[in-house]
Structure formats: structure tokens, C-alpha cells
Amino acid sequence: ELESRISLLLRYEENEQLLHPITKLPTKARLTQHIKRKIDNNEQFTIFNFSIENFDKYIDAFGCKKANELLVLMSRVLVNAKNTASPNNLKETFVGHTLENSFVVVSENKTLDEPIIQSFQKIQPFLYTDNTIEESKIQLNVVKLSHNQIDIENNKLIDILPLIKVEE
């Protein structure tokens, strides 16, 4: 029984490491697995990297608690877009949190970035106070890469990640 409990605990810890501690979204390890599976199955997909620009200045102006709330809010925007855009294919769209201020979505939907940008623009005014200086305001930067922009023959999967600005 003790061995079973230890084994279960170790597996739980491995799974926890694959989730971002704040947003509970999958991290880069699961992203890599998901993209590899899509490539292996010759599926069509688009990779979106959503990066929150000026995140460090936002932290300086509003503190870690507000910055963490922003990350959770951004994760909800992404998951909501996923659920709205492909309610019948939820497993086919991947949403992950890869870096401190960066999220990746892998989807068959080539225009999934549009509702995400619109949602972000709607919530953006509520992220600030009246006296927020311009330098502390954040922007959402989007990098988009379709499956046919990836030279699968010559690129290893890890080489794809810098193309969408997901680096070590």
C-alpha cells in the first residue's frame, strides 16, 4: 500500500509540473507533445503565440497580485475562445501557458486570434486606474504560424518554438 501511495504521489507531482502554477494551463512540455502528435497525424493547424508586452512594467506599477490576476484573466479569455470556437472539438484546440507572459494556442481554426484580440481589447481598460502612466500599459502581441509554414522535413520540433517566440 505504501508503494502505491508513493507511486501515485510521484505521478501527481509529474502532472503538476506540466501545469503552470498560476493559470493551471499546460506548459511547454505538453505543447511539444500536442504539436508532435498533430505533425505525426498530418493534421492542419495554426499555432498562435499571445505575448503580453510590458508585463514587467505592469508588475512594477500594480504588483504581483494584480499581475497574477491578469495571467488568470488572460487564460480565461483563451479558454473561452477555445470553447466558443470549437465546442465539438475541444480536445483538438490546445491552450497553454509557456512563459511568464506568453500563452500558446494550437487550433484548426486559422482565425482564432481575432476573437481573442477583441476580448482582450474589451477587458484592457479595466486593468488600469485613472492615473496609470502609458509605459505601464500592456499590449497583446500575436505571432501566428500555420502548419504549412513549418518545414517538417528540415525542422526538428524544438526548432518551431523559437519561430513563435517560445524560447528557453
N, C-alpha and C. Protein backbone atom coordinates (compact mmCIF):
# COMPACT_ATOMS: atom_id res chain seq x y z
N GLU A 1 0.82 -1.19 0.00
CA GLU A 1 0.00 0.00 0.00
C GLU A 1 0.87 1.26 0.00
N LEU A 2 1.94 1.25 0.75
CA LEU A 2 2.84 2.40 0.80
C LEU A 2 3.46 2.66 -0.57
N GLU A 3 3.85 1.58 -1.25
CA GLU A 3 4.43 1.74 -2.59
C GLU A 3 3.41 2.37 -3.55
N SER A 4 2.16 1.96 -3.44
CA SER A 4 1.10 2.52 -4.29
C SER A 4 0.92 4.00 -4.03
N ARG A 5 0.92 4.37 -2.76
CA ARG A 5 0.75 5.78 -2.41
C ARG A 5 1.92 6.62 -2.92
N ILE A 6 3.12 6.12 -2.77
CA ILE A 6 4.30 6.84 -3.23
C ILE A 6 4.26 6.98 -4.75
N SER A 7 3.93 5.91 -5.43
CA SER A 7 3.83 5.93 -6.89
C SER A 7 2.78 6.94 -7.35
N LEU A 8 1.63 6.95 -6.69
CA LEU A 8 0.57 7.89 -7.03
C LEU A 8 1.02 9.33 -6.79
N LEU A 9 1.70 9.57 -5.69
CA LEU A 9 2.20 10.90 -5.37
C LEU A 9 3.22 11.37 -6.41
N LEU A 10 4.11 10.48 -6.82
CA LEU A 10 5.12 10.84 -7.83
C LEU A 10 4.46 11.17 -9.16
N ARG A 11 3.47 10.39 -9.56
CA ARG A 11 2.76 10.68 -10.79
C ARG A 11 2.02 12.01 -10.71
N TYR A 12 1.43 12.30 -9.53
CA TYR A 12 0.73 13.56 -9.33
C TYR A 12 1.71 14.73 -9.46
N GLU A 13 2.89 14.60 -8.87
CA GLU A 13 3.89 15.66 -8.95
C GLU A 13 4.37 15.87 -10.39
N GLU A 14 4.53 14.78 -11.15
CA GLU A 14 4.91 14.90 -12.56
C GLU A 14 3.86 15.68 -13.33
N ASN A 15 2.57 15.36 -13.08
CA ASN A 15 1.48 16.07 -13.77
C ASN A 15 1.44 17.53 -13.37
N GLU A 16 1.66 17.83 -12.09
CA GLU A 16 1.65 19.20 -11.61
C GLU A 16 2.74 20.02 -12.28
N GLN A 17 3.89 19.41 -12.56
CA GLN A 17 4.97 20.13 -13.21
C GLN A 17 4.64 20.46 -14.66
N LEU A 18 3.67 19.77 -15.23
CA LEU A 18 3.26 20.03 -16.60
C LEU A 18 2.18 21.11 -16.68
N LEU A 19 1.78 21.66 -15.50
CA LEU A 19 0.79 22.73 -15.46
C LEU A 19 1.41 23.99 -14.87
N HIS A 20 1.04 25.12 -15.41
CA HIS A 20 1.55 26.39 -14.88
C HIS A 20 0.95 26.59 -13.48
N PRO A 21 1.75 27.01 -12.51
CA PRO A 21 1.27 27.10 -11.13
C PRO A 21 0.17 28.15 -10.91
N ILE A 22 0.12 29.18 -11.73
CA ILE A 22 -0.89 30.23 -11.53
C ILE A 22 -2.13 29.97 -12.36
N THR A 23 -1.96 29.70 -13.64
CA THR A 23 -3.12 29.55 -14.53
C THR A 23 -3.64 28.12 -14.62
N LYS A 24 -2.82 27.17 -14.19
CA LYS A 24 -3.16 25.73 -14.29
C LYS A 24 -3.32 25.26 -15.73
N LEU A 25 -2.75 26.02 -16.65
CA LEU A 25 -2.75 25.59 -18.05
C LEU A 25 -1.52 24.73 -18.31
N PRO A 26 -1.58 23.86 -19.31
CA PRO A 26 -0.41 23.06 -19.66
C PRO A 26 0.78 23.94 -20.04
N THR A 27 1.98 23.41 -19.84
CA THR A 27 3.20 24.15 -20.12
C THR A 27 3.84 23.66 -21.42
N LYS A 28 5.09 24.08 -21.64
CA LYS A 28 5.79 23.79 -22.89
C LYS A 28 5.92 22.29 -23.19
N ALA A 29 6.07 21.47 -22.16
CA ALA A 29 6.22 20.03 -22.39
C ALA A 29 4.97 19.46 -23.08
N ARG A 30 3.81 19.85 -22.61
CA ARG A 30 2.57 19.36 -23.23
C ARG A 30 2.35 19.99 -24.60
N LEU A 31 2.76 21.24 -24.76
CA LEU A 31 2.67 21.89 -26.06
C LEU A 31 3.45 21.10 -27.10
N THR A 32 4.66 20.75 -26.76
CA THR A 32 5.51 19.99 -27.66
C THR A 32 4.86 18.66 -28.03
N GLN A 33 4.30 17.96 -27.04
CA GLN A 33 3.62 16.69 -27.30
C GLN A 33 2.44 16.89 -28.26
N HIS A 34 1.66 17.95 -28.02
CA HIS A 34 0.48 18.20 -28.84
C HIS A 34 0.87 18.50 -30.30
N ILE A 35 1.85 19.36 -30.48
CA ILE A 35 2.29 19.70 -31.85
C ILE A 35 2.86 18.47 -32.54
N LYS A 36 3.66 17.71 -31.83
CA LYS A 36 4.25 16.49 -32.42
C LYS A 36 3.16 15.53 -32.89
N ARG A 37 2.12 15.36 -32.08
CA ARG A 37 1.02 14.48 -32.45
C ARG A 37 0.32 14.99 -33.71
N LYS A 38 0.11 16.29 -33.79
CA LYS A 38 -0.55 16.87 -34.97
C LYS A 38 0.31 16.68 -36.22
N ILE A 39 1.62 16.88 -36.08
CA ILE A 39 2.53 16.69 -37.21
C ILE A 39 2.54 15.22 -37.63
N ASP A 40 2.66 14.32 -36.66
CA ASP A 40 2.68 12.89 -36.95
C ASP A 40 1.40 12.42 -37.65
N ASN A 41 0.27 13.05 -37.33
CA ASN A 41 -1.02 12.68 -37.93
C ASN A 41 -1.34 13.49 -39.19
N ASN A 42 -0.37 14.28 -39.66
CA ASN A 42 -0.56 15.13 -40.85
C ASN A 42 -1.80 16.02 -40.75
N GLU A 43 -2.04 16.55 -39.57
CA GLU A 43 -3.20 17.42 -39.35
C GLU A 43 -2.85 18.86 -39.71
N GLN A 44 -3.85 19.59 -40.15
CA GLN A 44 -3.67 21.01 -40.41
C GLN A 44 -3.93 21.77 -39.11
N PHE A 45 -3.10 22.76 -38.83
CA PHE A 45 -3.26 23.52 -37.60
C PHE A 45 -2.54 24.85 -37.72
N THR A 46 -2.89 25.75 -36.83
CA THR A 46 -2.22 27.04 -36.72
C THR A 46 -1.77 27.19 -35.27
N ILE A 47 -0.56 27.69 -35.09
CA ILE A 47 -0.02 27.96 -33.76
C ILE A 47 -0.07 29.47 -33.55
N PHE A 48 -0.65 29.87 -32.43
CA PHE A 48 -0.70 31.28 -32.06
C PHE A 48 0.09 31.47 -30.78
N ASN A 49 0.96 32.45 -30.75
CA ASN A 49 1.63 32.82 -29.51
C ASN A 49 1.10 34.20 -29.11
N PHE A 50 0.48 34.29 -27.95
CA PHE A 50 -0.03 35.54 -27.42
C PHE A 50 0.90 35.98 -26.30
N SER A 51 1.58 37.08 -26.54
CA SER A 51 2.55 37.58 -25.58
C SER A 51 2.07 38.91 -25.01
N ILE A 52 2.09 39.03 -23.69
CA ILE A 52 1.68 40.27 -23.04
C ILE A 52 2.92 41.17 -22.95
N GLU A 53 2.93 42.21 -23.78
CA GLU A 53 4.06 43.14 -23.81
C GLU A 53 3.95 44.13 -22.66
N ASN A 54 5.09 44.55 -22.12
CA ASN A 54 5.19 45.46 -20.97
C ASN A 54 4.73 44.82 -19.67
N PHE A 55 4.77 43.50 -19.61
CA PHE A 55 4.32 42.79 -18.42
C PHE A 55 5.15 43.17 -17.20
N ASP A 56 6.46 43.29 -17.36
CA ASP A 56 7.33 43.67 -16.24
C ASP A 56 6.97 45.05 -15.70
N LYS A 57 6.67 45.98 -16.59
CA LYS A 57 6.28 47.33 -16.15
C LYS A 57 4.91 47.30 -15.47
N TYR A 58 4.04 46.41 -15.92
CA TYR A 58 2.73 46.24 -15.27
C TYR A 58 2.93 45.72 -13.85
N ILE A 59 3.84 44.76 -13.69
CA ILE A 59 4.15 44.24 -12.35
C ILE A 59 4.68 45.37 -11.46
N ASP A 60 5.59 46.16 -11.99
CA ASP A 60 6.16 47.27 -11.22
C ASP A 60 5.09 48.26 -10.78
N ALA A 61 4.14 48.53 -11.65
CA ALA A 61 3.10 49.52 -11.36
C ALA A 61 2.00 48.98 -10.44
N PHE A 62 1.63 47.70 -10.62
CA PHE A 62 0.46 47.18 -9.92
C PHE A 62 0.74 46.05 -8.94
N GLY A 63 1.94 45.50 -8.98
CA GLY A 63 2.29 44.43 -8.05
C GLY A 63 2.03 43.04 -8.60
N CYS A 64 2.59 42.07 -7.90
CA CYS A 64 2.50 40.66 -8.34
C CYS A 64 1.07 40.13 -8.29
N LYS A 65 0.32 40.53 -7.28
CA LYS A 65 -1.05 40.00 -7.16
C LYS A 65 -1.89 40.39 -8.38
N LYS A 66 -1.83 41.66 -8.77
CA LYS A 66 -2.58 42.11 -9.95
C LYS A 66 -2.04 41.45 -11.22
N ALA A 67 -0.73 41.27 -11.30
CA ALA A 67 -0.14 40.62 -12.47
C ALA A 67 -0.61 39.17 -12.57
N ASN A 68 -0.67 38.47 -11.44
CA ASN A 68 -1.17 37.10 -11.44
C ASN A 68 -2.64 37.05 -11.84
N GLU A 69 -3.42 38.03 -11.37
CA GLU A 69 -4.82 38.11 -11.77
C GLU A 69 -4.95 38.33 -13.28
N LEU A 70 -4.05 39.13 -13.82
CA LEU A 70 -4.03 39.36 -15.27
C LEU A 70 -3.75 38.05 -16.02
N LEU A 71 -2.80 37.26 -15.52
CA LEU A 71 -2.48 35.98 -16.16
C LEU A 71 -3.69 35.04 -16.13
N VAL A 72 -4.37 34.98 -15.01
CA VAL A 72 -5.55 34.13 -14.90
C VAL A 72 -6.65 34.64 -15.84
N LEU A 73 -6.83 35.94 -15.89
CA LEU A 73 -7.82 36.53 -16.78
C LEU A 73 -7.51 36.20 -18.24
N MET A 74 -6.24 36.33 -18.61
CA MET A 74 -5.83 36.01 -19.98
C MET A 74 -6.08 34.53 -20.29
N SER A 75 -5.80 33.66 -19.33
CA SER A 75 -6.04 32.23 -19.55
C SER A 75 -7.53 31.98 -19.76
N ARG A 76 -8.38 32.70 -19.04
CA ARG A 76 -9.84 32.54 -19.21
C ARG A 76 -10.29 33.04 -20.58
N VAL A 77 -9.72 34.13 -21.04
CA VAL A 77 -10.04 34.64 -22.37
C VAL A 77 -9.72 33.58 -23.42
N LEU A 78 -8.55 32.96 -23.30
CA LEU A 78 -8.12 31.95 -24.27
C LEU A 78 -8.99 30.70 -24.21
N VAL A 79 -9.27 30.22 -23.02
CA VAL A 79 -10.09 29.01 -22.88
C VAL A 79 -11.51 29.29 -23.36
N ASN A 80 -12.02 30.46 -23.06
CA ASN A 80 -13.36 30.82 -23.53
C ASN A 80 -13.41 30.86 -25.06
N ALA A 81 -12.38 31.43 -25.69
CA ALA A 81 -12.32 31.45 -27.15
C ALA A 81 -12.27 30.03 -27.71
N LYS A 82 -11.51 29.18 -27.06
CA LYS A 82 -11.42 27.78 -27.47
C LYS A 82 -12.80 27.12 -27.38
N ASN A 83 -13.49 27.31 -26.27
CA ASN A 83 -14.79 26.67 -26.05
C ASN A 83 -15.85 27.22 -27.01
N THR A 84 -15.77 28.49 -27.33
CA THR A 84 -16.74 29.12 -28.22
C THR A 84 -16.48 28.74 -29.67
N ALA A 85 -15.22 28.73 -30.06
CA ALA A 85 -14.86 28.49 -31.46
C ALA A 85 -15.02 27.04 -31.89
N SER A 86 -14.76 26.14 -30.98
CA SER A 86 -14.82 24.72 -31.37
C SER A 86 -15.46 23.88 -30.27
N PRO A 87 -16.75 24.10 -29.97
CA PRO A 87 -17.39 23.36 -28.88
C PRO A 87 -17.44 21.84 -29.11
N ASN A 88 -17.42 21.42 -30.37
CA ASN A 88 -17.47 19.98 -30.65
C ASN A 88 -16.09 19.35 -30.74
N ASN A 89 -15.06 20.17 -30.81
CA ASN A 89 -13.69 19.67 -30.96
C ASN A 89 -12.78 20.23 -29.88
N LEU A 90 -13.21 20.23 -28.65
CA LEU A 90 -12.44 20.86 -27.58
C LEU A 90 -11.05 20.27 -27.42
N LYS A 91 -10.91 18.97 -27.65
CA LYS A 91 -9.60 18.33 -27.48
C LYS A 91 -8.64 18.68 -28.61
N GLU A 92 -9.17 19.18 -29.72
CA GLU A 92 -8.32 19.49 -30.86
C GLU A 92 -7.65 20.85 -30.73
N THR A 93 -8.16 21.71 -29.86
CA THR A 93 -7.56 23.01 -29.64
C THR A 93 -6.80 22.98 -28.32
N PHE A 94 -5.54 23.33 -28.38
CA PHE A 94 -4.65 23.32 -27.21
C PHE A 94 -4.44 24.75 -26.74
N VAL A 95 -4.57 24.97 -25.45
CA VAL A 95 -4.26 26.26 -24.84
C VAL A 95 -3.22 26.01 -23.76
N GLY A 96 -2.09 26.70 -23.84
CA GLY A 96 -1.02 26.50 -22.86
C GLY A 96 -0.39 27.81 -22.42
N HIS A 97 0.28 27.75 -21.29
CA HIS A 97 1.00 28.91 -20.73
C HIS A 97 2.48 28.53 -20.74
N THR A 98 3.24 29.14 -21.64
CA THR A 98 4.61 28.66 -21.89
C THR A 98 5.68 29.46 -21.18
N LEU A 99 5.51 30.76 -21.08
CA LEU A 99 6.47 31.61 -20.39
C LEU A 99 5.69 32.51 -19.44
N GLU A 100 6.40 33.31 -18.66
CA GLU A 100 5.74 34.17 -17.68
C GLU A 100 4.60 34.97 -18.30
N ASN A 101 4.84 35.56 -19.46
CA ASN A 101 3.86 36.44 -20.09
C ASN A 101 3.41 35.94 -21.46
N SER A 102 3.53 34.65 -21.72
CA SER A 102 3.28 34.12 -23.04
C SER A 102 2.37 32.89 -22.99
N PHE A 103 1.39 32.89 -23.89
CA PHE A 103 0.43 31.79 -24.00
C PHE A 103 0.44 31.28 -25.44
N VAL A 104 0.23 29.98 -25.60
CA VAL A 104 0.20 29.40 -26.94
C VAL A 104 -1.13 28.67 -27.14
N VAL A 105 -1.70 28.87 -28.32
CA VAL A 105 -2.91 28.16 -28.72
C VAL A 105 -2.59 27.44 -30.02
N VAL A 106 -2.95 26.17 -30.09
CA VAL A 106 -2.81 25.38 -31.30
C VAL A 106 -4.21 24.96 -31.70
N SER A 107 -4.61 25.33 -32.91
CA SER A 107 -6.00 25.09 -33.31
C SER A 107 -6.11 24.85 -34.80
N GLU A 108 -7.18 24.17 -35.19
CA GLU A 108 -7.51 24.03 -36.60
C GLU A 108 -8.09 25.34 -37.13
N ASN A 109 -8.63 26.15 -36.24
CA ASN A 109 -9.25 27.42 -36.58
C ASN A 109 -8.16 28.46 -36.87
N LYS A 110 -8.05 28.88 -38.12
CA LYS A 110 -6.98 29.80 -38.54
C LYS A 110 -7.20 31.23 -38.08
N THR A 111 -8.42 31.54 -37.66
CA THR A 111 -8.74 32.92 -37.27
C THR A 111 -9.08 33.03 -35.78
N LEU A 112 -8.67 32.08 -35.00
CA LEU A 112 -8.98 32.08 -33.57
C LEU A 112 -8.38 33.29 -32.85
N ASP A 113 -7.35 33.87 -33.42
CA ASP A 113 -6.74 35.04 -32.79
C ASP A 113 -7.67 36.26 -32.79
N GLU A 114 -8.56 36.36 -33.76
CA GLU A 114 -9.43 37.53 -33.87
C GLU A 114 -10.35 37.71 -32.66
N PRO A 115 -11.14 36.68 -32.26
CA PRO A 115 -11.98 36.88 -31.07
C PRO A 115 -11.16 37.05 -29.78
N ILE A 116 -9.98 36.48 -29.75
CA ILE A 116 -9.13 36.63 -28.56
C ILE A 116 -8.65 38.08 -28.45
N ILE A 117 -8.21 38.65 -29.55
CA ILE A 117 -7.76 40.05 -29.55
C ILE A 117 -8.93 40.96 -29.18
N GLN A 118 -10.11 40.70 -29.73
CA GLN A 118 -11.28 41.52 -29.41
C GLN A 118 -11.64 41.43 -27.93
N SER A 119 -11.61 40.25 -27.38
CA SER A 119 -11.91 40.08 -25.95
C SER A 119 -10.88 40.79 -25.09
N PHE A 120 -9.62 40.68 -25.47
CA PHE A 120 -8.56 41.34 -24.71
C PHE A 120 -8.76 42.86 -24.75
N GLN A 121 -9.11 43.39 -25.91
CA GLN A 121 -9.32 44.83 -26.04
C GLN A 121 -10.49 45.31 -25.19
N LYS A 122 -11.50 44.46 -25.03
CA LYS A 122 -12.66 44.83 -24.21
C LYS A 122 -12.30 44.90 -22.72
N ILE A 123 -11.44 44.01 -22.27
CA ILE A 123 -11.10 44.00 -20.83
C ILE A 123 -9.94 44.93 -20.49
N GLN A 124 -9.19 45.31 -21.48
CA GLN A 124 -7.98 46.11 -21.24
C GLN A 124 -8.23 47.38 -20.42
N PRO A 125 -9.27 48.17 -20.69
CA PRO A 125 -9.47 49.39 -19.90
C PRO A 125 -9.67 49.13 -18.40
N PHE A 126 -10.15 47.94 -18.05
CA PHE A 126 -10.41 47.62 -16.65
C PHE A 126 -9.16 47.17 -15.89
N LEU A 127 -8.05 47.08 -16.59
CA LEU A 127 -6.81 46.63 -15.97
C LEU A 127 -6.02 47.78 -15.34
N TYR A 128 -6.49 48.99 -15.52
CA TYR A 128 -5.73 50.16 -15.09
C TYR A 128 -6.56 51.04 -14.15
N THR A 129 -5.86 51.96 -13.51
CA THR A 129 -6.52 53.01 -12.74
C THR A 129 -6.51 54.29 -13.58
N ASP A 130 -7.18 55.31 -13.12
CA ASP A 130 -7.26 56.57 -13.87
C ASP A 130 -5.90 57.22 -14.07
N ASN A 131 -4.99 57.03 -13.12
CA ASN A 131 -3.69 57.70 -13.21
C ASN A 131 -2.56 56.77 -13.67
N THR A 132 -2.91 55.71 -14.38
CA THR A 132 -1.90 54.79 -14.90
C THR A 132 -1.11 55.47 -16.01
N ILE A 133 0.20 55.41 -15.88
CA ILE A 133 1.03 56.02 -16.92
C ILE A 133 1.10 55.09 -18.14
N GLU A 134 1.28 55.68 -19.27
CA GLU A 134 1.26 54.95 -20.56
C GLU A 134 2.27 53.81 -20.59
N GLU A 135 3.46 54.02 -20.00
CA GLU A 135 4.51 52.99 -20.05
C GLU A 135 4.13 51.72 -19.30
N SER A 136 3.16 51.81 -18.38
CA SER A 136 2.75 50.64 -17.60
C SER A 136 1.65 49.85 -18.28
N LYS A 137 1.12 50.39 -19.36
CA LYS A 137 0.01 49.71 -20.03
C LYS A 137 0.55 48.56 -20.88
N ILE A 138 -0.22 47.51 -20.90
CA ILE A 138 0.20 46.31 -21.62
C ILE A 138 -0.43 46.27 -23.00
N GLN A 139 0.20 45.50 -23.86
CA GLN A 139 -0.30 45.25 -25.21
C GLN A 139 -0.26 43.75 -25.44
N LEU A 140 -1.12 43.28 -26.31
CA LEU A 140 -1.12 41.87 -26.67
C LEU A 140 -0.48 41.72 -28.04
N ASN A 141 0.64 41.02 -28.07
CA ASN A 141 1.35 40.76 -29.32
C ASN A 141 1.02 39.33 -29.76
N VAL A 142 0.72 39.16 -31.04
CA VAL A 142 0.34 37.84 -31.55
C VAL A 142 1.29 37.43 -32.67
N VAL A 143 1.84 36.23 -32.55
CA VAL A 143 2.63 35.63 -33.62
C VAL A 143 1.84 34.40 -34.08
N LYS A 144 1.67 34.29 -35.38
CA LYS A 144 0.83 33.24 -35.96
C LYS A 144 1.67 32.42 -36.94
N LEU A 145 1.58 31.11 -36.83
CA LEU A 145 2.35 30.22 -37.70
C LEU A 145 1.45 29.07 -38.12
N SER A 146 1.19 28.95 -39.43
CA SER A 146 0.35 27.84 -39.89
C SER A 146 1.22 26.61 -40.13
N HIS A 147 0.56 25.46 -40.18
CA HIS A 147 1.29 24.20 -40.33
C HIS A 147 2.10 24.18 -41.63
N ASN A 148 1.60 24.84 -42.68
CA ASN A 148 2.34 24.80 -43.95
C ASN A 148 3.52 25.77 -43.97
N GLN A 149 3.69 26.56 -42.91
CA GLN A 149 4.88 27.41 -42.79
C GLN A 149 6.01 26.66 -42.07
N ILE A 150 5.72 25.47 -41.64
CA ILE A 150 6.71 24.67 -40.93
C ILE A 150 7.30 23.66 -41.90
N ASP A 151 8.58 23.73 -42.10
CA ASP A 151 9.28 22.77 -42.94
C ASP A 151 9.58 21.55 -42.08
N ILE A 152 8.64 20.63 -42.05
CA ILE A 152 8.73 19.49 -41.14
C ILE A 152 9.91 18.58 -41.50
N GLU A 153 10.25 18.51 -42.77
CA GLU A 153 11.37 17.66 -43.17
C GLU A 153 12.68 18.14 -42.57
N ASN A 154 12.89 19.46 -42.54
CA ASN A 154 14.17 20.01 -42.12
C ASN A 154 14.17 20.58 -40.70
N ASN A 155 13.00 20.80 -40.13
CA ASN A 155 12.92 21.36 -38.79
C ASN A 155 12.62 20.28 -37.77
N LYS A 156 13.39 20.27 -36.74
CA LYS A 156 13.02 19.44 -35.60
C LYS A 156 11.93 20.22 -34.87
N LEU A 157 11.11 19.52 -34.11
CA LEU A 157 10.00 20.17 -33.42
C LEU A 157 10.50 21.31 -32.54
N ILE A 158 11.59 21.13 -31.88
CA ILE A 158 12.10 22.16 -30.97
C ILE A 158 12.46 23.44 -31.74
N ASP A 159 12.79 23.31 -33.04
CA ASP A 159 13.12 24.47 -33.85
C ASP A 159 11.90 25.33 -34.16
N ILE A 160 10.72 24.77 -34.00
CA ILE A 160 9.49 25.50 -34.27
C ILE A 160 9.23 26.53 -33.16
N LEU A 161 9.55 26.18 -31.94
CA LEU A 161 9.20 27.03 -30.81
C LEU A 161 9.79 28.43 -30.89
N PRO A 162 11.05 28.62 -31.28
CA PRO A 162 11.53 29.99 -31.42
C PRO A 162 10.82 30.78 -32.52
N LEU A 163 10.31 30.09 -33.54
CA LEU A 163 9.59 30.77 -34.60
C LEU A 163 8.34 31.47 -34.07
N ILE A 164 7.74 30.89 -33.03
CA ILE A 164 6.55 31.51 -32.45
C ILE A 164 6.90 32.23 -31.14
N LYS A 165 8.19 32.49 -30.96
CA LYS A 165 8.70 33.26 -29.81
C LYS A 165 8.54 32.53 -28.48
N VAL A 166 8.60 31.18 -28.50
CA VAL A 166 8.63 30.40 -27.28
C VAL A 166 10.03 29.85 -27.16
N GLU A 167 10.83 30.50 -26.35
CA GLU A 167 12.24 30.12 -26.21
C GLU A 167 12.52 29.75 -24.77
N GLU A 168 13.63 29.09 -24.58
CA GLU A 168 14.03 28.67 -23.22
C GLU A 168 14.26 29.85 -22.33
